[in-house]
Protein backbone atom coordinates (compact mmCIF):
# COMPACT_ATOMS: atom_id res chain seq x y z
CA UNK A 1 0.00 -0.01 0.00
CA UNK A 2 2.93 2.36 -0.64
CA UNK A 3 0.97 4.33 -3.19
CA UNK A 4 -2.02 4.75 -0.84
CA UNK A 5 0.22 6.01 1.98
CA UNK A 6 1.99 8.38 -0.42
CA UNK A 7 -1.34 9.70 -1.75
CA UNK A 8 -2.54 10.39 1.75
CA UNK A 9 0.80 12.15 2.56
CA UNK A 10 0.54 14.30 -0.56
CA UNK A 11 -2.52 16.06 0.85
CA UNK A 12 0.08 18.19 2.72
CA UNK A 13 1.96 21.00 0.93
CA UNK A 14 5.24 20.07 2.74
CA UNK A 15 5.00 16.52 1.43
CA UNK A 16 4.56 17.73 -2.18
CA UNK A 17 7.54 20.07 -1.76
CA UNK A 18 9.68 17.29 -0.27
CA UNK A 19 8.86 14.58 -2.73
CA UNK A 20 8.19 16.67 -5.87
CA UNK A 21 5.06 14.60 -6.45
CA UNK A 22 1.43 15.69 -6.84
CA UNK A 23 -1.96 14.04 -7.05
CA UNK A 24 -4.26 14.16 -10.07
CA UNK A 25 -7.75 12.99 -9.22
CA UNK A 26 -10.81 12.32 -11.31
CA UNK A 27 -11.41 10.70 -14.67
CA UNK A 28 -10.99 13.77 -16.85
CA UNK A 29 -7.84 14.98 -15.08
CA UNK A 30 -6.16 11.54 -15.22
CA UNK A 31 -7.13 11.28 -18.89
CA UNK A 32 -5.33 14.53 -19.52
CA UNK A 33 -2.36 13.38 -17.46
CA UNK A 34 -2.00 10.25 -19.60
CA UNK A 35 -1.94 12.46 -22.69
CA UNK A 36 0.89 14.54 -21.27
CA UNK A 37 4.60 13.96 -21.11
CA UNK A 38 4.69 14.02 -17.28
CA UNK A 39 6.12 11.08 -15.40
CA UNK A 40 3.36 9.07 -13.64
CA UNK A 41 4.45 7.34 -10.48
CA UNK A 42 1.36 5.16 -10.02
CA UNK A 43 -2.43 5.05 -10.02
CA UNK A 44 -4.98 4.14 -7.33
CA UNK A 45 -8.38 2.80 -8.42
CA UNK A 46 -11.45 1.82 -6.46
CA UNK A 47 -14.53 -0.19 -7.51
CA UNK A 48 -16.25 3.14 -8.27
CA UNK A 49 -14.19 3.57 -11.41
CA UNK A 50 -15.78 0.49 -13.04
CA UNK A 51 -19.27 2.02 -12.67
CA UNK A 52 -19.01 3.75 -16.09
CA UNK A 53 -17.73 2.78 -19.55
CA UNK A 54 -15.46 5.81 -19.48
CA UNK A 55 -13.97 4.65 -16.20
CA UNK A 56 -13.37 1.19 -17.58
CA UNK A 57 -11.70 2.75 -20.68
CA UNK A 58 -9.45 4.80 -18.48
CA UNK A 59 -8.34 1.83 -16.44
CA UNK A 60 -7.46 -0.01 -19.68
CA UNK A 61 -5.52 3.05 -20.93
CA UNK A 62 -3.53 3.11 -17.68
CA UNK A 63 -2.72 -0.60 -18.05
CA UNK A 64 -1.63 -0.04 -21.64
CA UNK A 65 0.90 2.57 -20.45
CA UNK A 66 2.36 0.06 -18.05
CA UNK A 67 1.85 2.35 -15.05
CA UNK A 68 1.72 0.61 -11.67
CA UNK A 69 -1.95 0.36 -10.64
CA UNK A 70 -3.18 -0.53 -7.18
CA UNK A 71 -6.78 -1.47 -6.42
CA UNK A 72 -8.15 -0.25 -3.09
CA UNK A 73 -11.56 -0.26 -1.43
CA UNK A 74 -13.84 2.72 -1.72
CA UNK A 75 -13.18 3.49 1.98
CA UNK A 76 -9.41 3.38 1.48
CA UNK A 77 -9.73 5.55 -1.62
CA UNK A 78 -11.76 8.14 0.29
CA UNK A 79 -9.01 8.40 2.85
CA UNK A 80 -6.67 9.81 0.15
CA UNK A 81 -9.27 11.69 -1.91
CA UNK A 82 -10.05 15.37 -1.51
CA UNK A 83 -13.39 15.36 -3.31
CA UNK A 84 -16.92 14.94 -1.96
CA UNK A 85 -17.83 12.49 -4.66
CA UNK A 86 -14.73 10.49 -5.63
CA UNK A 87 -14.72 8.93 -9.14
CA UNK A 88 -12.40 6.07 -8.14
CA UNK A 89 -9.21 7.09 -9.81
CA UNK A 90 -6.19 9.00 -8.47
CA UNK A 91 -2.76 9.30 -10.10
CA UNK A 92 0.55 10.31 -8.51
CA UNK A 93 2.95 12.08 -10.81
CA UNK A 94 6.17 14.08 -10.78
CA UNK A 95 5.95 17.87 -10.57
CA UNK A 96 7.72 19.03 -13.75
CA UNK A 97 10.93 21.10 -13.35
CA UNK A 98 10.05 24.60 -14.44
CA UNK A 99 11.67 27.94 -13.70
CA UNK A 100 11.39 31.52 -14.77
CA UNK A 101 14.50 31.02 -16.92
CA UNK A 102 12.47 28.78 -19.16
CA UNK A 103 9.68 31.40 -19.75
CA UNK A 104 10.14 32.86 -23.20
CA UNK A 105 9.93 36.63 -23.31
CA UNK A 106 8.81 36.97 -26.94
CA UNK A 107 8.39 40.46 -28.53
CA UNK A 108 4.72 40.42 -27.58
CA UNK A 109 3.99 38.44 -24.47
CA UNK A 110 1.55 38.34 -21.54
CA UNK A 111 2.15 36.72 -18.15
CA UNK A 112 -0.39 36.33 -15.38
CA UNK A 113 0.88 36.83 -11.81
CA UNK A 114 -1.07 35.66 -8.72
CA UNK A 115 -0.50 37.69 -5.57
CA UNK A 116 -1.68 35.82 -2.49
CA UNK A 117 -4.68 34.30 -4.28
CA UNK A 118 -5.96 31.56 -1.96
CA UNK A 119 -9.03 29.91 -3.43
CA UNK A 120 -8.11 26.71 -5.32
CA UNK A 121 -11.09 27.02 -7.63
CA UNK A 122 -10.15 30.55 -8.62
CA UNK A 123 -6.55 29.56 -9.26
CA UNK A 124 -7.52 26.52 -11.39
CA UNK A 125 -9.88 28.71 -13.42
CA UNK A 126 -7.21 31.33 -14.01
CA UNK A 127 -4.75 28.67 -15.15
CA UNK A 128 -7.23 27.42 -17.69
CA UNK A 129 -8.01 30.96 -18.85
CA UNK A 130 -4.37 32.00 -19.08
CA UNK A 131 -3.62 29.01 -21.30
CA UNK A 132 -6.72 29.61 -23.49
CA UNK A 133 -5.79 33.27 -23.99
CA UNK A 134 -2.18 32.59 -24.86
CA UNK A 135 -0.42 33.74 -21.71
CA UNK A 136 3.21 32.59 -21.65
CA UNK A 137 2.99 31.49 -18.01
CA UNK A 138 1.12 31.82 -14.73
CA UNK A 139 3.36 32.78 -11.81
CA UNK A 140 2.27 32.31 -8.16
CA UNK A 141 3.81 34.50 -5.50
CA UNK A 142 4.09 33.79 -1.76
CA UNK A 143 0.71 33.58 -0.05
CA UNK A 144 -0.87 31.95 -3.07
CA UNK A 145 -2.32 28.46 -2.71
CA UNK A 146 0.09 25.79 -3.90
CA UNK A 147 -0.37 25.34 -7.67
CA UNK A 148 0.01 21.61 -7.21
CA UNK A 149 -2.69 21.36 -4.57
CA UNK A 150 -5.03 18.53 -5.65
CA UNK A 151 -8.06 20.90 -5.73
CA UNK A 152 -6.15 23.31 -7.96
CA UNK A 153 -5.10 20.50 -10.27
CA UNK A 154 -8.60 19.18 -10.49
CA UNK A 155 -10.09 22.64 -11.13
CA UNK A 156 -7.55 23.31 -13.90
CA UNK A 157 -8.53 20.01 -15.57
CA UNK A 158 -5.15 19.24 -17.05
CA UNK A 159 -3.89 22.78 -17.73
CA UNK A 160 -0.89 22.21 -15.46
CA UNK A 161 0.40 19.47 -17.81
CA UNK A 162 1.11 21.83 -20.73
CA UNK A 163 0.81 25.41 -19.45
CA UNK A 164 3.82 26.82 -17.63
CA UNK A 165 2.74 27.31 -14.00
CA UNK A 166 5.48 28.27 -11.53
CA UNK A 167 5.72 29.10 -7.85
CA UNK A 168 8.15 31.98 -7.53
CA UNK A 169 9.25 34.89 -5.36
CA UNK A 170 9.25 38.62 -5.79
CA UNK A 171 13.04 38.67 -6.00
CA UNK A 172 13.05 36.08 -8.79
CA UNK A 173 10.28 37.87 -10.62
CA UNK A 174 12.06 41.24 -10.33
CA UNK A 175 15.23 39.76 -11.82
CA UNK A 176 13.36 38.10 -14.66
CA UNK A 177 11.38 41.24 -15.53
CA UNK A 178 14.56 43.34 -15.52
CA UNK A 179 16.38 40.83 -17.75
CA UNK A 180 13.52 40.66 -20.28
CA UNK A 181 12.03 44.11 -20.19
CA UNK A 182 8.69 43.00 -18.86
CA UNK A 183 6.39 45.70 -17.42
CA UNK A 184 4.16 44.98 -14.40
CA UNK A 185 0.57 46.31 -14.22
CA UNK A 186 -1.77 45.58 -11.35
CA UNK A 187 -5.51 45.01 -11.24
CA UNK A 188 -7.13 47.32 -8.68
CA UNK A 189 -10.58 48.87 -8.29
CA UNK A 190 -8.95 52.32 -7.73
CA UNK A 191 -6.85 52.11 -10.88
CA UNK A 192 -7.22 53.74 -14.24
CA UNK A 193 -10.33 52.50 -16.19
CA UNK A 194 -9.43 49.68 -18.54
CA UNK A 195 -11.00 51.22 -21.68
CA UNK A 196 -8.80 54.29 -21.31
CA UNK A 197 -5.46 52.50 -21.11
CA UNK A 198 -5.87 49.22 -22.96
CA UNK A 199 -4.21 50.56 -26.10
CA UNK A 200 -1.24 51.80 -24.00
CA UNK A 201 -0.34 48.24 -22.84
CA UNK A 202 3.34 47.45 -23.42
CA UNK A 203 4.35 44.55 -25.69
CA UNK A 204 5.80 42.61 -22.77
CA UNK A 205 3.33 42.81 -19.92
CA UNK A 206 2.84 40.97 -16.61
CA UNK A 207 -0.59 41.38 -15.08
CA UNK A 208 -0.80 40.84 -11.29
CA UNK A 209 -4.09 40.10 -9.57
CA UNK A 210 -4.56 40.00 -5.83
CA UNK A 211 -6.21 38.22 -2.96
CA UNK A 212 -9.94 37.63 -3.15
CA UNK A 213 -10.69 39.84 -0.11
CA UNK A 214 -7.64 42.06 0.44
CA UNK A 215 -6.61 42.79 -3.14
CA UNK A 216 -3.02 43.49 -4.07
CA UNK A 217 -0.32 43.33 -1.38
CA UNK A 218 1.94 46.24 -0.62
CA UNK A 219 4.75 44.43 -2.50
CA UNK A 220 2.61 44.32 -5.67
CA UNK A 221 1.47 47.89 -5.38
CA UNK A 222 5.00 49.14 -4.86
CA UNK A 223 6.16 47.41 -8.07
CA UNK A 224 3.22 47.96 -10.44
CA UNK A 225 3.90 50.74 -12.94
CA UNK A 226 0.18 51.28 -13.49
CA UNK A 227 -3.03 50.07 -11.85
CA UNK A 228 -5.96 49.18 -14.03
CA UNK A 229 -9.59 48.98 -13.01
CA UNK A 230 -12.49 47.13 -14.61
CA UNK A 231 -15.98 48.71 -14.94
CA UNK A 232 -18.18 47.02 -12.33
CA UNK A 233 -21.47 48.94 -12.19
CA UNK A 234 -23.48 48.22 -9.11
CA UNK A 235 -20.99 45.87 -7.42
CA UNK A 236 -17.97 46.54 -5.24
CA UNK A 237 -15.63 44.23 -7.27
CA UNK A 238 -15.48 41.32 -9.66
CA UNK A 239 -14.38 37.80 -8.83
CA UNK A 240 -10.61 37.61 -9.25
CA UNK A 241 -10.81 34.82 -11.85
CA UNK A 242 -13.37 36.79 -13.89
CA UNK A 243 -11.24 39.93 -13.64
CA UNK A 244 -8.10 38.07 -14.75
CA UNK A 245 -9.95 36.59 -17.74
CA UNK A 246 -11.20 39.99 -18.92
CA UNK A 247 -7.78 41.61 -18.53
CA UNK A 248 -6.00 38.82 -20.40
CA UNK A 249 -8.57 39.00 -23.21
CA UNK A 250 -8.41 42.75 -23.56
CA UNK A 251 -4.62 42.98 -23.41
CA UNK A 252 -4.34 39.99 -25.81
CA UNK A 253 -5.94 42.20 -28.45
């Protein structure tokens, strides 16, 4: 039951950092993992997986890949799962080695920066959106939920496996921006209205969005060359994932 013990341990951020493994749970997420180039350590399956033809097909695909597969009871599976309704499949894979040095700073490039964003669902949604809208990478600063948290991975539905998602620090980001001439703008309700400055966006732009309740940290405000606000008639603010999507779309144009 090594895999089961490991899966349980990987619920903790420190364990993921120590082992450089993460958990991908659910049929769709594991399907995407199998399509990727990431190294899969092993797969846990419970009887629940056999309840649908798609689940049966997934188990066959895992077997074809020659990945170690361990069958466990539904109760044992639940002890490692982080979902309310487990689908009976959970894969353990290696976190890919990625760094800012590998993020290409093309002549026209957008990067999404997460500043102490804590909701896994929001982070997963922003990863999907960043990939869909052509962002070069999504960078997570201290205070942000672990990008390889199982809930983030599940919410992103496979985006991690091909989109460059990196945990970094302000010092590393500062050095990278300086080296590549990347300008930092921040999303803030008190900033300049988006329609008025969208055409002034520099070719190489990093867009930083802040915490769901507190907004941008002082570190982000102190570095942002401009703050940009989205029109939000009748509401105090927009959900951070919605705001990030609008900004990436507008600046992509």
